[in-house]
Amino acid sequence: MDDLSDRIYTAFEPRMPSALEQALEVVERDVRARGITGALRLITPGDGALTWVEFQGGYHGAGIIADGDINDLLADVAEAVQETIMELTWKVWPVCATHDRGLHVGCEQGLTVWRCTGDGTHTAAPVGELP
């Protein structure tokens, strides 16, 4: 892992109450890196069993259950952010800069990453590190 990845994963404790907030902060770096503005936050309506990502006042999807390891939780939050942004803006996010295709969350060598299917499958960047 490089230095930034070490800092992301060292500070990330999956059983801490703030684990979802930490994961959202990591994913939000990618949102801002791609020029998307608007408030992102976590909401837990109802019985508190599920959490959703709210973007610009709306949310979408099946919700997040805060369990699993670091990669599972970060992947769940990244997918929730992606799903919510795309549903509310009607635009694909994030997009591979090389192939102009939508990226998908995956895991590679212990990191949660954004992957592209252009020219076979390649990793565009670890989640939180999109250029």
C-alpha atoms as a PDB file:
ATOM      1  CA  MET A   1       0.000   0.000   0.000  1.00  0.00           C
ATOM      2  CA  ASP A   2       1.152   3.533  -0.597  1.00  0.00           C
ATOM      3  CA  ASP A   3       1.256   6.190   2.126  1.00  0.00           C
ATOM      4  CA  LEU A   4      -2.267   7.557   1.487  1.00  0.00           C
ATOM      5  CA  SER A   5      -3.779   4.075   1.529  1.00  0.00           C
ATOM      6  CA  ASP A   6      -1.938   3.324   4.766  1.00  0.00           C
ATOM      7  CA  ARG A   7      -3.455   6.440   6.347  1.00  0.00           C
ATOM      8  CA  ILE A   8      -6.956   5.569   5.106  1.00  0.00           C
ATOM      9  CA  TYR A   9      -6.908   2.011   6.391  1.00  0.00           C
ATOM     10  CA  THR A  10      -4.953   2.641   9.596  1.00  0.00           C
ATOM     11  CA  ALA A  11      -7.480   5.221  10.774  1.00  0.00           C
ATOM     12  CA  PHE A  12     -10.468   3.099   9.782  1.00  0.00           C
ATOM     13  CA  GLU A  13     -11.900   0.953  12.598  1.00  0.00           C
ATOM     14  CA  PRO A  14     -14.862  -1.063  11.276  1.00  0.00           C
ATOM     15  CA  ARG A  15     -16.522  -1.574  14.678  1.00  0.00           C
ATOM     16  CA  MET A  16     -16.365   2.062  15.754  1.00  0.00           C
ATOM     17  CA  PRO A  17     -19.671   3.966  15.814  1.00  0.00           C
ATOM     18  CA  SER A  18     -18.188   6.423  13.341  1.00  0.00           C
ATOM     19  CA  ALA A  19     -17.020   3.782  10.839  1.00  0.00           C
ATOM     20  CA  LEU A  20     -19.713   4.744   8.344  1.00  0.00           C
ATOM     21  CA  GLU A  21     -18.822   8.433   8.659  1.00  0.00           C
ATOM     22  CA  GLN A  22     -15.164   7.597   8.077  1.00  0.00           C
ATOM     23  CA  ALA A  23     -16.052   5.559   4.998  1.00  0.00           C
ATOM     24  CA  LEU A  24     -18.227   8.393   3.692  1.00  0.00           C
ATOM     25  CA  GLU A  25     -15.318  10.839   4.106  1.00  0.00           C
ATOM     26  CA  VAL A  26     -13.093   8.551   2.018  1.00  0.00           C
ATOM     27  CA  VAL A  27     -15.686   8.228  -0.769  1.00  0.00           C
ATOM     28  CA  GLU A  28     -16.498  11.946  -0.621  1.00  0.00           C
ATOM     29  CA  ARG A  29     -12.925  12.698  -1.735  1.00  0.00           C
ATOM     30  CA  ASP A  30     -13.762  10.947  -5.024  1.00  0.00           C
ATOM     31  CA  VAL A  31     -17.034  12.848  -5.358  1.00  0.00           C
ATOM     32  CA  ARG A  32     -15.274  16.193  -4.917  1.00  0.00           C
ATOM     33  CA  ALA A  33     -12.324  15.170  -7.131  1.00  0.00           C
ATOM     34  CA  ARG A  34     -14.795  14.737  -9.975  1.00  0.00           C
ATOM     35  CA  GLY A  35     -16.312  18.180  -9.430  1.00  0.00           C
ATOM     36  CA  ILE A  36     -19.594  17.105  -7.880  1.00  0.00           C
ATOM     37  CA  THR A  37     -20.919  19.523  -5.311  1.00  0.00           C
ATOM     38  CA  GLY A  38     -23.782  19.126  -2.903  1.00  0.00           C
ATOM     39  CA  ALA A  39     -24.145  17.878   0.623  1.00  0.00           C
ATOM     40  CA  LEU A  40     -23.480  14.215   1.349  1.00  0.00           C
ATOM     41  CA  ARG A  41     -24.499  12.765   4.690  1.00  0.00           C
ATOM     42  CA  LEU A  42     -25.629   9.570   6.321  1.00  0.00           C
ATOM     43  CA  ILE A  43     -29.209   9.204   7.503  1.00  0.00           C
ATOM     44  CA  THR A  44     -30.717   6.458   9.635  1.00  0.00           C
ATOM     45  CA  PRO A  45     -34.494   6.748   9.564  1.00  0.00           C
ATOM     46  CA  GLY A  46     -36.878   4.354  11.285  1.00  0.00           C
ATOM     47  CA  ASP A  47     -35.557   1.626  13.544  1.00  0.00           C
ATOM     48  CA  GLY A  48     -31.870   2.390  12.898  1.00  0.00           C
ATOM     49  CA  ALA A  49     -31.090  -1.002  11.335  1.00  0.00           C
ATOM     50  CA  LEU A  50     -30.166   0.505   7.961  1.00  0.00           C
ATOM     51  CA  THR A  51     -28.345   3.671   6.942  1.00  0.00           C
ATOM     52  CA  TRP A  52     -28.629   5.527   3.640  1.00  0.00           C
ATOM     53  CA  VAL A  53     -26.436   8.092   1.923  1.00  0.00           C
ATOM     54  CA  GLU A  54     -28.275  11.350   1.352  1.00  0.00           C
ATOM     55  CA  PHE A  55     -27.176  13.616  -1.507  1.00  0.00           C
ATOM     56  CA  GLN A  56     -28.748  17.017  -2.070  1.00  0.00           C
ATOM     57  CA  GLY A  57     -31.691  16.103   0.147  1.00  0.00           C
ATOM     58  CA  GLY A  58     -32.554  12.728  -1.408  1.00  0.00           C
ATOM     59  CA  TYR A  59     -31.507   9.139  -1.033  1.00  0.00           C
ATOM     60  CA  HIS A  60     -31.944   5.912  -2.947  1.00  0.00           C
ATOM     61  CA  GLY A  61     -31.258   2.207  -2.703  1.00  0.00           C
ATOM     62  CA  ALA A  62     -31.540  -0.644  -0.243  1.00  0.00           C
ATOM     63  CA  GLY A  63     -29.511   0.921   2.567  1.00  0.00           C
ATOM     64  CA  ILE A  64     -26.293  -0.068   4.315  1.00  0.00           C
ATOM     65  CA  ILE A  65     -25.903  -2.478   7.210  1.00  0.00           C
ATOM     66  CA  ALA A  66     -22.876  -1.382   9.270  1.00  0.00           C
ATOM     67  CA  ASP A  67     -21.049  -4.670   9.649  1.00  0.00           C
ATOM     68  CA  GLY A  68     -18.264  -6.571   7.950  1.00  0.00           C
ATOM     69  CA  ASP A  69     -14.614  -5.753   7.526  1.00  0.00           C
ATOM     70  CA  ILE A  70     -13.054  -2.517   6.323  1.00  0.00           C
ATOM     71  CA  ASN A  71     -13.288  -3.376   2.645  1.00  0.00           C
ATOM     72  CA  ASP A  72     -16.897  -4.540   2.888  1.00  0.00           C
ATOM     73  CA  LEU A  73     -18.009  -1.395   4.675  1.00  0.00           C
ATOM     74  CA  LEU A  74     -16.076   0.950   2.381  1.00  0.00           C
ATOM     75  CA  ALA A  75     -17.416  -0.889  -0.686  1.00  0.00           C
ATOM     76  CA  ASP A  76     -20.989  -0.678   0.641  1.00  0.00           C
ATOM     77  CA  VAL A  77     -20.671   3.067   1.245  1.00  0.00           C
ATOM     78  CA  ALA A  78     -19.022   3.658  -2.154  1.00  0.00           C
ATOM     79  CA  GLU A  79     -21.805   1.751  -3.893  1.00  0.00           C
ATOM     80  CA  ALA A  80     -24.474   3.628  -1.920  1.00  0.00           C
ATOM     81  CA  VAL A  81     -22.920   6.997  -2.809  1.00  0.00           C
ATOM     82  CA  GLN A  82     -22.644   5.957  -6.444  1.00  0.00           C
ATOM     83  CA  GLU A  83     -26.222   4.704  -6.611  1.00  0.00           C
ATOM     84  CA  THR A  84     -27.641   7.794  -4.935  1.00  0.00           C
ATOM     85  CA  ILE A  85     -25.677  10.288  -7.031  1.00  0.00           C
ATOM     86  CA  MET A  86     -26.557   8.535 -10.272  1.00  0.00           C
ATOM     87  CA  GLU A  87     -30.247   8.213  -9.398  1.00  0.00           C
ATOM     88  CA  LEU A  88     -30.589  11.840  -8.342  1.00  0.00           C
ATOM     89  CA  THR A  89     -28.479  13.413 -11.115  1.00  0.00           C
ATOM     90  CA  TRP A  90     -29.259  10.933 -13.901  1.00  0.00           C
ATOM     91  CA  LYS A  91     -25.541  10.880 -14.762  1.00  0.00           C
ATOM     92  CA  VAL A  92     -23.015   8.067 -14.548  1.00  0.00           C
ATOM     93  CA  TRP A  93     -20.514   8.534 -11.722  1.00  0.00           C
ATOM     94  CA  PRO A  94     -17.626   7.918 -11.473  1.00  0.00           C
ATOM     95  CA  VAL A  95     -16.361   7.558 -15.023  1.00  0.00           C
ATOM     96  CA  CYS A  96     -13.021   6.163 -16.209  1.00  0.00           C
ATOM     97  CA  ALA A  97     -10.946   9.036 -17.578  1.00  0.00           C
ATOM     98  CA  THR A  98      -9.362   6.719 -20.160  1.00  0.00           C
ATOM     99  CA  HIS A  99     -12.411   4.844 -21.467  1.00  0.00           C
ATOM    100  CA  ASP A 100     -15.324   7.145 -20.572  1.00  0.00           C
ATOM    101  CA  ARG A 101     -17.136   4.212 -18.952  1.00  0.00           C
ATOM    102  CA  GLY A 102     -18.757   3.961 -15.559  1.00  0.00           C
ATOM    103  CA  LEU A 103     -16.558   2.553 -12.809  1.00  0.00           C
ATOM    104  CA  HIS A 104     -17.581  -0.235 -10.447  1.00  0.00           C
ATOM    105  CA  VAL A 105     -16.454  -1.026  -6.908  1.00  0.00           C
ATOM    106  CA  GLY A 106     -14.183  -4.024  -6.452  1.00  0.00           C
ATOM    107  CA  CYS A 107     -11.440  -5.357  -4.221  1.00  0.00           C
ATOM    108  CA  GLU A 108      -7.814  -5.790  -5.233  1.00  0.00           C
ATOM    109  CA  GLN A 109      -4.872  -6.749  -3.026  1.00  0.00           C
ATOM    110  CA  GLY A 110      -6.762  -5.847   0.132  1.00  0.00           C
ATOM    111  CA  LEU A 111      -7.958  -2.448  -1.126  1.00  0.00           C
ATOM    112  CA  THR A 112     -11.405  -1.302  -2.165  1.00  0.00           C
ATOM    113  CA  VAL A 113     -11.003   0.070  -5.687  1.00  0.00           C
ATOM    114  CA  TRP A 114     -12.843   1.591  -8.622  1.00  0.00           C
ATOM    115  CA  ARG A 115     -12.643  -0.709 -11.673  1.00  0.00           C
ATOM    116  CA  CYS A 116     -13.288  -0.112 -15.357  1.00  0.00           C
ATOM    117  CA  THR A 117     -14.270  -2.745 -17.925  1.00  0.00           C
ATOM    118  CA  GLY A 118     -12.585  -0.914 -20.825  1.00  0.00           C
ATOM    119  CA  ASP A 119      -9.785  -2.882 -22.562  1.00  0.00           C
ATOM    120  CA  GLY A 120     -10.476  -5.819 -20.279  1.00  0.00           C
ATOM    121  CA  THR A 121     -10.772  -4.918 -16.633  1.00  0.00           C
ATOM    122  CA  HIS A 122      -8.380  -2.472 -15.007  1.00  0.00           C
ATOM    123  CA  THR A 123      -8.236  -0.602 -11.735  1.00  0.00           C
ATOM    124  CA  ALA A 124      -8.761   3.127 -12.127  1.00  0.00           C
ATOM    125  CA  ALA A 125      -7.884   4.003  -8.499  1.00  0.00           C
ATOM    126  CA  PRO A 126      -8.409   2.940  -4.909  1.00  0.00           C
ATOM    127  CA  VAL A 127     -11.655   4.323  -3.486  1.00  0.00           C
ATOM    128  CA  GLY A 128     -10.809   7.759  -2.084  1.00  0.00           C
ATOM    129  CA  GLU A 129      -7.989   8.380  -4.553  1.00  0.00           C
ATOM    130  CA  LEU A 130      -9.615   9.231  -7.880  1.00  0.00           C
ATOM    131  CA  PRO A 131      -7.590  11.868  -9.708  1.00  0.00           C
END
